[in-house]
PDB file of N, CA and C in Angstrom:
ATOM      1  N   MET A   1       5.382  28.159 -33.934  1.00  0.00           N
ATOM      2  CA  MET A   1       5.826  28.536 -32.622  1.00  0.00           C
ATOM      3  C   MET A   1       6.625  27.410 -31.979  1.00  0.00           C
ATOM      4  N   ILE A   2       7.658  27.812 -31.252  1.00  0.00           N
ATOM      5  CA  ILE A   2       8.480  26.859 -30.518  1.00  0.00           C
ATOM      6  C   ILE A   2       8.166  27.050 -29.049  1.00  0.00           C
ATOM      7  N   SER A   3       7.893  25.974 -28.353  1.00  0.00           N
ATOM      8  CA  SER A   3       7.572  26.062 -26.936  1.00  0.00           C
ATOM      9  C   SER A   3       8.611  25.274 -26.147  1.00  0.00           C
ATOM     10  N   LYS A   4       9.135  25.912 -25.111  1.00  0.00           N
ATOM     11  CA  LYS A   4      10.133  25.265 -24.266  1.00  0.00           C
ATOM     12  C   LYS A   4       9.669  25.408 -22.819  1.00  0.00           C
ATOM     13  N   ALA A   5       9.527  24.299 -22.124  1.00  0.00           N
ATOM     14  CA  ALA A   5       9.066  24.324 -20.737  1.00  0.00           C
ATOM     15  C   ALA A   5      10.256  24.206 -19.803  1.00  0.00           C
ATOM     16  N   THR A   6      10.357  25.132 -18.854  1.00  0.00           N
ATOM     17  CA  THR A   6      11.382  25.071 -17.823  1.00  0.00           C
ATOM     18  C   THR A   6      10.677  25.186 -16.487  1.00  0.00           C
ATOM     19  N   SER A   7      10.735  24.145 -15.699  1.00  0.00           N
ATOM     20  CA  SER A   7      10.041  23.996 -14.420  1.00  0.00           C
ATOM     21  C   SER A   7       8.565  24.326 -14.614  1.00  0.00           C
ATOM     22  N   ASP A   8       8.040  25.347 -13.971  1.00  0.00           N
ATOM     23  CA  ASP A   8       6.622  25.666 -14.116  1.00  0.00           C
ATOM     24  C   ASP A   8       6.388  26.877 -15.028  1.00  0.00           C
ATOM     25  N   ILE A   9       7.432  27.372 -15.686  1.00  0.00           N
ATOM     26  CA  ILE A   9       7.313  28.528 -16.568  1.00  0.00           C
ATOM     27  C   ILE A   9       7.398  28.051 -18.009  1.00  0.00           C
ATOM     28  N   THR A  10       6.444  28.450 -18.824  1.00  0.00           N
ATOM     29  CA  THR A  10       6.471  28.089 -20.234  1.00  0.00           C
ATOM     30  C   THR A  10       6.854  29.318 -21.026  1.00  0.00           C
ATOM     31  N   LEU A  11       7.883  29.182 -21.844  1.00  0.00           N
ATOM     32  CA  LEU A  11       8.374  30.269 -22.672  1.00  0.00           C
ATOM     33  C   LEU A  11       8.038  29.939 -24.115  1.00  0.00           C
ATOM     34  N   THR A  12       7.275  30.812 -24.758  1.00  0.00           N
ATOM     35  CA  THR A  12       6.893  30.589 -26.141  1.00  0.00           C
ATOM     36  C   THR A  12       7.647  31.572 -27.024  1.00  0.00           C
ATOM     37  N   LEU A  13       8.418  31.039 -27.971  1.00  0.00           N
ATOM     38  CA  LEU A  13       9.206  31.853 -28.873  1.00  0.00           C
ATOM     39  C   LEU A  13       8.626  31.754 -30.273  1.00  0.00           C
ATOM     40  N   PRO A  14       8.432  32.890 -30.942  1.00  0.00           N
ATOM     41  CA  PRO A  14       7.941  32.812 -32.317  1.00  0.00           C
ATOM     42  C   PRO A  14       9.045  32.317 -33.243  1.00  0.00           C
ATOM     43  N   ALA A  15       8.650  31.613 -34.289  1.00  0.00           N
ATOM     44  CA  ALA A  15       9.632  31.170 -35.275  1.00  0.00           C
ATOM     45  C   ALA A  15      10.149  32.402 -36.007  1.00  0.00           C
ATOM     46  N   MET A  16      11.476  32.506 -36.151  1.00  0.00           N
ATOM     47  CA  MET A  16      12.062  33.689 -36.773  1.00  0.00           C
ATOM     48  C   MET A  16      12.225  33.467 -38.267  1.00  0.00           C
ATOM     49  N   THR A  17      11.718  34.418 -39.028  1.00  0.00           N
ATOM     50  CA  THR A  17      11.899  34.375 -40.463  1.00  0.00           C
ATOM     51  C   THR A  17      13.210  35.057 -40.819  1.00  0.00           C
ATOM     52  N   LYS A  18      13.624  34.916 -42.059  1.00  0.00           N
ATOM     53  CA  LYS A  18      14.866  35.549 -42.499  1.00  0.00           C
ATOM     54  C   LYS A  18      14.771  37.064 -42.385  1.00  0.00           C
ATOM     55  N   ASN A  19      13.600  37.630 -42.674  1.00  0.00           N
ATOM     56  CA  ASN A  19      13.399  39.077 -42.595  1.00  0.00           C
ATOM     57  C   ASN A  19      13.516  39.572 -41.152  1.00  0.00           C
ATOM     58  N   SER A  20      12.950  38.834 -40.206  1.00  0.00           N
ATOM     59  CA  SER A  20      13.028  39.273 -38.807  1.00  0.00           C
ATOM     60  C   SER A  20      14.446  39.127 -38.262  1.00  0.00           C
ATOM     61  N   ARG A  21      15.196  38.087 -38.717  1.00  0.00           N
ATOM     62  CA  ARG A  21      16.591  37.949 -38.292  1.00  0.00           C
ATOM     63  C   ARG A  21      17.442  39.093 -38.834  1.00  0.00           C
ATOM     64  N   THR A  22      17.171  39.493 -40.075  1.00  0.00           N
ATOM     65  CA  THR A  22      17.902  40.611 -40.674  1.00  0.00           C
ATOM     66  C   THR A  22      17.621  41.897 -39.918  1.00  0.00           C
ATOM     67  N   HIS A  23      16.352  42.130 -39.583  1.00  0.00           N
ATOM     68  CA  HIS A  23      15.985  43.331 -38.826  1.00  0.00           C
ATOM     69  C   HIS A  23      16.641  43.322 -37.448  1.00  0.00           C
ATOM     70  N   LEU A  24      16.659  42.166 -36.801  1.00  0.00           N
ATOM     71  CA  LEU A  24      17.286  42.047 -35.482  1.00  0.00           C
ATOM     72  C   LEU A  24      18.785  42.313 -35.565  1.00  0.00           C
ATOM     73  N   ALA A  25      19.434  41.805 -36.600  1.00  0.00           N
ATOM     74  CA  ALA A  25      20.869  42.029 -36.773  1.00  0.00           C
ATOM     75  C   ALA A  25      21.166  43.504 -37.029  1.00  0.00           C
ATOM     76  N   LYS A  26      20.343  44.164 -37.851  1.00  0.00           N
ATOM     77  CA  LYS A  26      20.543  45.594 -38.114  1.00  0.00           C
ATOM     78  C   LYS A  26      20.343  46.415 -36.846  1.00  0.00           C
ATOM     79  N   SER A  27      19.351  46.040 -36.052  1.00  0.00           N
ATOM     80  CA  SER A  27      19.111  46.752 -34.794  1.00  0.00           C
ATOM     81  C   SER A  27      20.283  46.578 -33.830  1.00  0.00           C
ATOM     82  N   ALA A  28      20.857  45.384 -33.800  1.00  0.00           N
ATOM     83  CA  ALA A  28      21.997  45.123 -32.915  1.00  0.00           C
ATOM     84  C   ALA A  28      23.207  45.945 -33.348  1.00  0.00           C
ATOM     85  N   VAL A  29      23.446  46.037 -34.652  1.00  0.00           N
ATOM     86  CA  VAL A  29      24.577  46.820 -35.147  1.00  0.00           C
ATOM     87  C   VAL A  29      24.372  48.302 -34.824  1.00  0.00           C
ATOM     88  N   LYS A  30      23.163  48.803 -35.008  1.00  0.00           N
ATOM     89  CA  LYS A  30      22.881  50.210 -34.672  1.00  0.00           C
ATOM     90  C   LYS A  30      23.138  50.463 -33.191  1.00  0.00           C
ATOM     91  N   PHE A  31      22.677  49.544 -32.345  1.00  0.00           N
ATOM     92  CA  PHE A  31      22.865  49.701 -30.904  1.00  0.00           C
ATOM     93  C   PHE A  31      24.346  49.747 -30.538  1.00  0.00           C
ATOM     94  N   VAL A  32      25.130  48.838 -31.091  1.00  0.00           N
ATOM     95  CA  VAL A  32      26.564  48.797 -30.801  1.00  0.00           C
ATOM     96  C   VAL A  32      27.243  50.078 -31.275  1.00  0.00           C
ATOM     97  N   LEU A  33      26.883  50.570 -32.456  1.00  0.00           N
ATOM     98  CA  LEU A  33      27.479  51.806 -32.962  1.00  0.00           C
ATOM     99  C   LEU A  33      27.099  53.013 -32.107  1.00  0.00           C
ATOM    100  N   ILE A  34      25.858  53.097 -31.685  1.00  0.00           N
ATOM    101  CA  ILE A  34      25.423  54.229 -30.851  1.00  0.00           C
ATOM    102  C   ILE A  34      26.140  54.204 -29.504  1.00  0.00           C
ATOM    103  N   ILE A  35      26.254  53.029 -28.896  1.00  0.00           N
ATOM    104  CA  ILE A  35      26.964  52.926 -27.621  1.00  0.00           C
ATOM    105  C   ILE A  35      28.441  53.261 -27.806  1.00  0.00           C
ATOM    106  N   GLY A  36      29.034  52.859 -28.920  1.00  0.00           N
ATOM    107  CA  GLY A  36      30.431  53.186 -29.201  1.00  0.00           C
ATOM    108  C   GLY A  36      30.656  54.681 -29.348  1.00  0.00           C
ATOM    109  N   ILE A  37      29.758  55.355 -30.051  1.00  0.00           N
ATOM    110  CA  ILE A  37      29.880  56.809 -30.220  1.00  0.00           C
ATOM    111  C   ILE A  37      29.693  57.510 -28.877  1.00  0.00           C
ATOM    112  N   GLU A  38      28.736  57.051 -28.088  1.00  0.00           N
ATOM    113  CA  GLU A  38      28.517  57.632 -26.756  1.00  0.00           C
ATOM    114  C   GLU A  38      29.755  57.445 -25.889  1.00  0.00           C
ATOM    115  N   ASN A  39      30.365  56.261 -25.967  1.00  0.00           N
ATOM    116  CA  ASN A  39      31.567  55.985 -25.187  1.00  0.00           C
ATOM    117  C   ASN A  39      32.730  56.872 -25.639  1.00  0.00           C
ATOM    118  N   LEU A  40      32.812  57.158 -26.930  1.00  0.00           N
ATOM    119  CA  LEU A  40      33.843  58.049 -27.443  1.00  0.00           C
ATOM    120  C   LEU A  40      33.724  59.427 -26.796  1.00  0.00           C
ATOM    121  N   PHE A  41      32.513  59.985 -26.779  1.00  0.00           N
ATOM    122  CA  PHE A  41      32.324  61.302 -26.179  1.00  0.00           C
ATOM    123  C   PHE A  41      32.551  61.288 -24.668  1.00  0.00           C
ATOM    124  N   ALA A  42      32.142  60.209 -23.998  1.00  0.00           N
ATOM    125  CA  ALA A  42      32.381  60.104 -22.554  1.00  0.00           C
ATOM    126  C   ALA A  42      33.874  60.051 -22.262  1.00  0.00           C
ATOM    127  N   ASP A  43      34.629  59.280 -23.050  1.00  0.00           N
ATOM    128  CA  ASP A  43      36.078  59.196 -22.859  1.00  0.00           C
ATOM    129  C   ASP A  43      36.755  60.533 -23.140  1.00  0.00           C
ATOM    130  N   MET A  44      36.290  61.242 -24.173  1.00  0.00           N
ATOM    131  CA  MET A  44      36.882  62.545 -24.479  1.00  0.00           C
ATOM    132  C   MET A  44      36.656  63.519 -23.321  1.00  0.00           C
ATOM    133  N   ALA A  45      35.464  63.505 -22.739  1.00  0.00           N
ATOM    134  CA  ALA A  45      35.185  64.392 -21.613  1.00  0.00           C
ATOM    135  C   ALA A  45      36.014  64.010 -20.390  1.00  0.00           C
ATOM    136  N   TYR A  46      36.092  62.710 -20.108  1.00  0.00           N
ATOM    137  CA  TYR A  46      36.837  62.252 -18.934  1.00  0.00           C
ATOM    138  C   TYR A  46      38.322  62.548 -19.079  1.00  0.00           C
ATOM    139  N   GLU A  47      38.896  62.179 -20.206  1.00  0.00           N
ATOM    140  CA  GLU A  47      40.332  62.383 -20.402  1.00  0.00           C
ATOM    141  C   GLU A  47      40.666  63.872 -20.497  1.00  0.00           C
ATOM    142  N   GLY A  48      39.764  64.660 -21.054  1.00  0.00           N
ATOM    143  CA  GLY A  48      39.985  66.108 -21.085  1.00  0.00           C
ATOM    144  C   GLY A  48      40.009  66.704 -19.691  1.00  0.00           C
ATOM    145  N   GLY A  49      39.132  66.212 -18.829  1.00  0.00           N
ATOM    146  CA  GLY A  49      39.124  66.674 -17.443  1.00  0.00           C
ATOM    147  C   GLY A  49      40.346  66.214 -16.676  1.00  0.00           C
ATOM    148  N   ARG A  50      40.764  64.966 -16.929  1.00  0.00           N
ATOM    149  CA  ARG A  50      41.945  64.446 -16.232  1.00  0.00           C
ATOM    150  C   ARG A  50      43.225  65.160 -16.663  1.00  0.00           C
ATOM    151  N   SER A  51      43.239  65.676 -17.888  1.00  0.00           N
ATOM    152  CA  SER A  51      44.474  66.276 -18.394  1.00  0.00           C
ATOM    153  C   SER A  51      44.807  67.601 -17.719  1.00  0.00           C
ATOM    154  N   ILE A  52      43.828  68.246 -17.095  1.00  0.00           N
ATOM    155  CA  ILE A  52      44.111  69.540 -16.465  1.00  0.00           C
ATOM    156  C   ILE A  52      44.299  69.437 -14.961  1.00  0.00           C
ATOM    157  N   THR A  53      44.284  68.220 -14.411  1.00  0.00           N
ATOM    158  CA  THR A  53      44.389  68.104 -12.949  1.00  0.00           C
ATOM    159  C   THR A  53      45.712  68.621 -12.418  1.00  0.00           C
ATOM    160  N   GLY A  54      46.778  68.536 -13.177  1.00  0.00           N
ATOM    161  CA  GLY A  54      48.063  69.042 -12.714  1.00  0.00           C
ATOM    162  C   GLY A  54      48.255  70.517 -13.011  1.00  0.00           C
ATOM    163  N   SER A  55      47.809  70.959 -14.161  1.00  0.00           N
ATOM    164  CA  SER A  55      48.050  72.354 -14.543  1.00  0.00           C
ATOM    165  C   SER A  55      47.122  73.331 -13.835  1.00  0.00           C
ATOM    166  N   PHE A  56      45.928  72.888 -13.457  1.00  0.00           N
ATOM    167  CA  PHE A  56      45.013  73.817 -12.771  1.00  0.00           C
ATOM    168  C   PHE A  56      45.552  74.257 -11.411  1.00  0.00           C
ATOM    169  N   PRO A  57      45.978  73.334 -10.518  1.00  0.00           N
ATOM    170  CA  PRO A  57      46.567  73.808  -9.257  1.00  0.00           C
ATOM    171  C   PRO A  57      47.832  74.633  -9.491  1.00  0.00           C
ATOM    172  N   GLY A  58      48.573  74.303 -10.550  1.00  0.00           N
ATOM    173  CA  GLY A  58      49.764  75.088 -10.876  1.00  0.00           C
ATOM    174  C   GLY A  58      49.409  76.516 -11.243  1.00  0.00           C
ATOM    175  N   SER A  59      48.284  76.692 -11.929  1.00  0.00           N
ATOM    176  CA  SER A  59      47.867  78.051 -12.282  1.00  0.00           C
ATOM    177  C   SER A  59      47.385  78.829 -11.065  1.00  0.00           C
ATOM    178  N   LEU A  60      47.044  78.118  -9.994  1.00  0.00           N
ATOM    179  CA  LEU A  60      46.646  78.782  -8.748  1.00  0.00           C
ATOM    180  C   LEU A  60      47.840  79.110  -7.859  1.00  0.00           C
ATOM    181  N   GLY A  61      49.040  78.673  -8.299  1.00  0.00           N
ATOM    182  CA  GLY A  61      50.244  79.015  -7.552  1.00  0.00           C
ATOM    183  C   GLY A  61      50.831  77.884  -6.741  1.00  0.00           C
ATOM    184  N   ALA A  62      50.323  76.667  -6.873  1.00  0.00           N
ATOM    185  CA  ALA A  62      50.866  75.539  -6.115  1.00  0.00           C
ATOM    186  C   ALA A  62      52.189  75.098  -6.738  1.00  0.00           C
ATOM    187  N   SER A  63      53.101  74.644  -5.893  1.00  0.00           N
ATOM    188  CA  SER A  63      54.399  74.173  -6.397  1.00  0.00           C
ATOM    189  C   SER A  63      54.256  72.757  -6.954  1.00  0.00           C
ATOM    190  N   ALA A  64      55.263  72.325  -7.695  1.00  0.00           N
ATOM    191  CA  ALA A  64      55.241  70.981  -8.276  1.00  0.00           C
ATOM    192  C   ALA A  64      55.225  69.915  -7.192  1.00  0.00           C
ATOM    193  N   THR A  65      55.880  70.172  -6.076  1.00  0.00           N
ATOM    194  CA  THR A  65      55.900  69.214  -4.970  1.00  0.00           C
ATOM    195  C   THR A  65      54.504  69.016  -4.399  1.00  0.00           C
ATOM    196  N   ILE A  66      53.814  70.123  -4.177  1.00  0.00           N
ATOM    197  CA  ILE A  66      52.451  70.053  -3.636  1.00  0.00           C
ATOM    198  C   ILE A  66      51.519  69.362  -4.631  1.00  0.00           C
ATOM    199  N   ILE A  67      51.645  69.686  -5.907  1.00  0.00           N
ATOM    200  CA  ILE A  67      50.795  69.063  -6.929  1.00  0.00           C
ATOM    201  C   ILE A  67      51.038  67.553  -6.965  1.00  0.00           C
ATOM    202  N   GLY A  68      52.296  67.144  -6.942  1.00  0.00           N
ATOM    203  CA  GLY A  68      52.624  65.723  -6.954  1.00  0.00           C
ATOM    204  C   GLY A  68      52.117  65.002  -5.724  1.00  0.00           C
ATOM    205  N   PHE A  69      52.270  65.631  -4.558  1.00  0.00           N
ATOM    206  CA  PHE A  69      51.808  65.018  -3.315  1.00  0.00           C
ATOM    207  C   PHE A  69      50.290  64.853  -3.315  1.00  0.00           C
ATOM    208  N   VAL A  70      49.590  65.901  -3.692  1.00  0.00           N
ATOM    209  CA  VAL A  70      48.117  65.857  -3.686  1.00  0.00           C
ATOM    210  C   VAL A  70      47.611  64.848  -4.717  1.00  0.00           C
ATOM    211  N   ALA A  71      48.226  64.827  -5.911  1.00  0.00           N
ATOM    212  CA  ALA A  71      47.807  63.867  -6.939  1.00  0.00           C
ATOM    213  C   ALA A  71      48.078  62.434  -6.481  1.00  0.00           C
ATOM    214  N   GLY A  72      49.230  62.193  -5.879  1.00  0.00           N
ATOM    215  CA  GLY A  72      49.554  60.859  -5.376  1.00  0.00           C
ATOM    216  C   GLY A  72      48.626  60.432  -4.257  1.00  0.00           C
ATOM    217  N   LEU A  73      48.321  61.357  -3.362  1.00  0.00           N
ATOM    218  CA  LEU A  73      47.398  61.058  -2.269  1.00  0.00           C
ATOM    219  C   LEU A  73      46.011  60.731  -2.814  1.00  0.00           C
ATOM    220  N   GLY A  74      45.578  61.470  -3.821  1.00  0.00           N
ATOM    221  CA  GLY A  74      44.281  61.189  -4.442  1.00  0.00           C
ATOM    222  C   GLY A  74      44.241  59.811  -5.074  1.00  0.00           C
ATOM    223  N   GLU A  75      45.333  59.429  -5.760  1.00  0.00           N
ATOM    224  CA  GLU A  75      45.399  58.090  -6.357  1.00  0.00           C
ATOM    225  C   GLU A  75      45.372  57.014  -5.270  1.00  0.00           C
ATOM    226  N   LEU A  76      46.132  57.238  -4.194  1.00  0.00           N
ATOM    227  CA  LEU A  76      46.153  56.282  -3.093  1.00  0.00           C
ATOM    228  C   LEU A  76      44.764  56.111  -2.493  1.00  0.00           C
ATOM    229  N   LEU A  77      44.079  57.208  -2.238  1.00  0.00           N
ATOM    230  CA  LEU A  77      42.732  57.121  -1.664  1.00  0.00           C
ATOM    231  C   LEU A  77      41.760  56.440  -2.624  1.00  0.00           C
ATOM    232  N   GLY A  78      41.899  56.717  -3.911  1.00  0.00           N
ATOM    233  CA  GLY A  78      41.026  56.084  -4.903  1.00  0.00           C
ATOM    234  C   GLY A  78      41.204  54.577  -4.948  1.00  0.00           C
ATOM    235  N   TYR A  79      42.456  54.117  -4.984  1.00  0.00           N
ATOM    236  CA  TYR A  79      42.714  52.680  -5.016  1.00  0.00           C
ATOM    237  C   TYR A  79      42.330  52.014  -3.701  1.00  0.00           C
ATOM    238  N   THR A  80      42.515  52.705  -2.579  1.00  0.00           N
ATOM    239  CA  THR A  80      42.112  52.152  -1.291  1.00  0.00           C
ATOM    240  C   THR A  80      40.603  51.997  -1.229  1.00  0.00           C
ATOM    241  N   LEU A  81      39.883  53.009  -1.663  1.00  0.00           N
ATOM    242  CA  LEU A  81      38.421  52.934  -1.667  1.00  0.00           C
ATOM    243  C   LEU A  81      37.945  51.829  -2.601  1.00  0.00           C
ATOM    244  N   ARG A  82      38.610  51.656  -3.730  1.00  0.00           N
ATOM    245  CA  ARG A  82      38.246  50.592  -4.667  1.00  0.00           C
ATOM    246  C   ARG A  82      38.436  49.226  -4.006  1.00  0.00           C
ATOM    247  N   SER A  83      39.531  49.029  -3.312  1.00  0.00           N
ATOM    248  CA  SER A  83      39.786  47.746  -2.647  1.00  0.00           C
ATOM    249  C   SER A  83      38.775  47.481  -1.543  1.00  0.00           C
ATOM    250  N   VAL A  84      38.477  48.497  -0.761  1.00  0.00           N
ATOM    251  CA  VAL A  84      37.520  48.338   0.336  1.00  0.00           C
ATOM    252  C   VAL A  84      36.123  48.058  -0.200  1.00  0.00           C
ATOM    253  N   SER A  85      35.739  48.739  -1.280  1.00  0.00           N
ATOM    254  CA  SER A  85      34.401  48.522  -1.822  1.00  0.00           C
ATOM    255  C   SER A  85      34.262  47.124  -2.418  1.00  0.00           C
ATOM    256  N   VAL A  86      35.328  46.574  -2.988  1.00  0.00           N
ATOM    257  CA  VAL A  86      35.287  45.197  -3.481  1.00  0.00           C
ATOM    258  C   VAL A  86      35.100  44.246  -2.308  1.00  0.00           C
ATOM    259  N   PHE A  87      35.804  44.493  -1.212  1.00  0.00           N
ATOM    260  CA  PHE A  87      35.652  43.651  -0.022  1.00  0.00           C
ATOM    261  C   PHE A  87      34.221  43.704   0.495  1.00  0.00           C
ATOM    262  N   TRP A  88      33.657  44.905   0.593  1.00  0.00           N
ATOM    263  CA  TRP A  88      32.277  45.045   1.066  1.00  0.00           C
ATOM    264  C   TRP A  88      31.291  44.365   0.116  1.00  0.00           C
ATOM    265  N   GLY A  89      31.525  44.501  -1.162  1.00  0.00           N
ATOM    266  CA  GLY A  89      30.636  43.874  -2.132  1.00  0.00           C
ATOM    267  C   GLY A  89      30.688  42.361  -2.062  1.00  0.00           C
ATOM    268  N   GLU A  90      31.886  41.810  -1.928  1.00  0.00           N
ATOM    269  CA  GLU A  90      32.026  40.362  -1.819  1.00  0.00           C
ATOM    270  C   GLU A  90      31.404  39.849  -0.526  1.00  0.00           C
ATOM    271  N   ALA A  91      31.603  40.569   0.557  1.00  0.00           N
ATOM    272  CA  ALA A  91      31.035  40.143   1.841  1.00  0.00           C
ATOM    273  C   ALA A  91      29.515  40.175   1.779  1.00  0.00           C
ATOM    274  N   GLY A  92      28.970  41.181   1.138  1.00  0.00           N
ATOM    275  CA  GLY A  92      27.518  41.273   1.013  1.00  0.00           C
ATOM    276  C   GLY A  92      26.939  40.170   0.156  1.00  0.00           C
ATOM    277  N   SER A  93      27.628  39.806  -0.925  1.00  0.00           N
ATOM    278  CA  SER A  93      27.104  38.755  -1.797  1.00  0.00           C
ATOM    279  C   SER A  93      27.209  37.380  -1.135  1.00  0.00           C
ATOM    280  N   ARG A  94      28.220  37.166  -0.307  1.00  0.00           N
ATOM    281  CA  ARG A  94      28.331  35.887   0.398  1.00  0.00           C
ATOM    282  C   ARG A  94      27.198  35.739   1.397  1.00  0.00           C
ATOM    283  N   ASN A  95      26.850  36.825   2.090  1.00  0.00           N
ATOM    284  CA  ASN A  95      25.778  36.767   3.073  1.00  0.00           C
ATOM    285  C   ASN A  95      24.407  36.631   2.407  1.00  0.00           C
ATOM    286  N   ALA A  96      24.273  37.162   1.214  1.00  0.00           N
ATOM    287  CA  ALA A  96      22.978  37.143   0.542  1.00  0.00           C
ATOM    288  C   ALA A  96      22.611  35.751   0.055  1.00  0.00           C
ATOM    289  N   PHE A  97      23.587  34.903  -0.237  1.00  0.00           N
ATOM    290  CA  PHE A  97      23.292  33.600  -0.835  1.00  0.00           C
ATOM    291  C   PHE A  97      23.480  32.441   0.137  1.00  0.00           C
ATOM    292  N   LYS A  98      23.488  32.714   1.436  1.00  0.00           N
ATOM    293  CA  LYS A  98      23.622  31.632   2.426  1.00  0.00           C
ATOM    294  C   LYS A  98      22.301  30.985   2.646  1.00  0.00           C
TER     295      LYS A  98
END
């Protein structure tokens, strides 16, 4: 056993054998592959949904001008909200660590 003391907390780590390191490495590879496959399906769903944002209002009878205006306004609001939320998050973290 390896013991490392940090302030008043003692952390005891078991000595790793070659077999346990191999098992840990295999588990890490499985985890990365599973997360990658999950991300693939999430991206396919997201991009599939985004691809119909222009054609769906068009099928309801909206003109190209209206579709472009609404899509542009949505992008503007999204980026504005992103900027404001970053500001709020930064302000909150500064106040939390004073």
